[in-house]
Protein backbone atom coordinates (compact mmCIF):
# COMPACT_ATOMS: atom_id res chain seq x y z
CA MET A 1 -0.29 0.21 0.13
CA ARG A 2 1.00 3.26 -0.62
CA ILE A 3 -0.27 7.06 0.49
CA ILE A 4 0.39 9.85 -2.28
CA VAL A 5 1.42 12.54 -0.12
CA HIS A 6 -0.67 16.55 -1.88
CA LYS A 7 1.75 18.71 0.47
CA ALA A 8 0.01 21.97 -1.07
CA LYS A 9 -3.34 20.75 1.05
CA CYS A 10 -2.06 19.90 3.89
CA GLN A 11 -2.84 22.95 7.11
CA GLY A 12 -0.40 20.80 9.98
CA HIS A 13 -3.11 19.77 11.58
CA ALA A 14 -0.89 16.32 12.36
CA ARG A 15 -3.95 13.90 13.04
CA CYS A 16 -1.94 11.77 10.80
CA SER A 17 1.00 11.91 12.37
CA ALA A 18 -1.79 11.06 15.65
CA GLN A 19 -2.21 7.96 14.56
CA ALA A 20 0.49 6.22 13.19
CA PRO A 21 3.75 8.42 13.61
CA ASP A 22 5.91 6.33 12.66
CA VAL A 23 4.58 6.45 9.47
CA PHE A 24 3.37 9.99 9.20
CA LYS A 25 7.05 11.99 9.27
CA LEU A 26 6.27 15.89 10.58
CA ASP A 27 8.24 19.20 10.24
CA ASP A 28 8.93 21.38 12.87
CA GLU A 29 6.20 23.17 12.51
CA GLY A 30 3.26 20.14 12.00
CA TYR A 31 3.33 19.93 8.54
CA ILE A 32 4.06 17.42 6.15
CA LEU A 33 6.58 15.64 4.31
CA PRO A 34 6.81 15.61 1.00
CA GLY A 35 6.98 12.89 -0.67
CA ASP A 36 4.56 9.46 -1.35
CA ILE A 37 4.70 7.16 2.02
CA GLU A 38 5.19 3.40 1.25
CA VAL A 39 3.66 1.76 4.38
CA ALA A 40 5.34 -1.29 5.58
CA GLU A 41 3.74 -4.41 6.14
CA GLY A 42 1.63 -4.60 10.06
CA GLN A 43 1.03 -1.01 10.12
CA GLN A 44 -0.96 -0.85 6.67
CA LEU A 45 -4.68 -0.51 9.64
CA LEU A 46 -2.62 2.58 11.22
CA ALA A 47 -1.80 4.37 8.05
CA SER A 48 -5.36 3.59 7.12
CA ARG A 49 -7.38 5.56 9.74
CA GLY A 50 -4.37 8.37 8.95
CA ALA A 51 -5.01 9.22 6.09
CA ARG A 52 -8.78 9.27 6.54
CA SER A 53 -8.35 11.74 9.85
CA CYS A 54 -6.57 14.00 7.81
CA PRO A 55 -9.87 16.95 7.08
CA GLU A 56 -8.16 18.29 4.26
CA ARG A 57 -7.85 15.19 2.31
CA ALA A 58 -3.98 16.01 1.46
CA LEU A 59 -3.53 11.78 2.26
CA GLU A 60 -4.55 10.28 -0.30
CA LEU A 61 -5.34 5.98 -0.21
CA ASP A 62 -3.39 4.01 -2.81
CA PRO A 63 -3.75 -0.10 -2.48
CA THR A 64 -2.09 -1.28 -4.79
CA PRO A 65 1.23 -3.33 -4.03
CA ALA A 66 4.34 -1.17 -4.10
CA ALA A 67 6.62 -3.85 -6.55
CA ARG A 68 4.38 -5.83 -8.72
CA VAL A 69 5.31 -7.30 -11.87
CA VAL A 70 2.63 -7.94 -14.85
CA PRO A 71 4.22 -9.87 -17.51
CA ASP A 72 4.19 -8.29 -21.04
CA ALA A 73 2.56 -11.52 -23.05
CA ILE A 74 1.49 -14.39 -21.34
CA GLU A 75 2.51 -17.52 -23.49
CA PRO A 76 -0.17 -20.48 -24.20
CA ARG A 77 1.24 -23.47 -22.97
CA VAL A 78 1.57 -25.84 -25.87
CA TRP A 79 1.50 -30.16 -24.42
CA ARG A 80 2.92 -32.63 -27.02
CA ALA A 81 2.32 -36.09 -27.34
């Protein structure tokens, strides 16, 4: 899971960090640091709560796994007798 950070929307409420301080890193003034956040296994529930707690909707949940390999083409298997 990944959290997309919309830094320009952040108003420094710090509700995200109150829910998951290990996931959401803030600057000295309480604003979210720029850059998307890759959420580690085991922190997804708290990260999701933190993102949803933002009153400005500055955090967007992206449930797509971070590293997913999609093959270009799948070749059919040919059976020969």
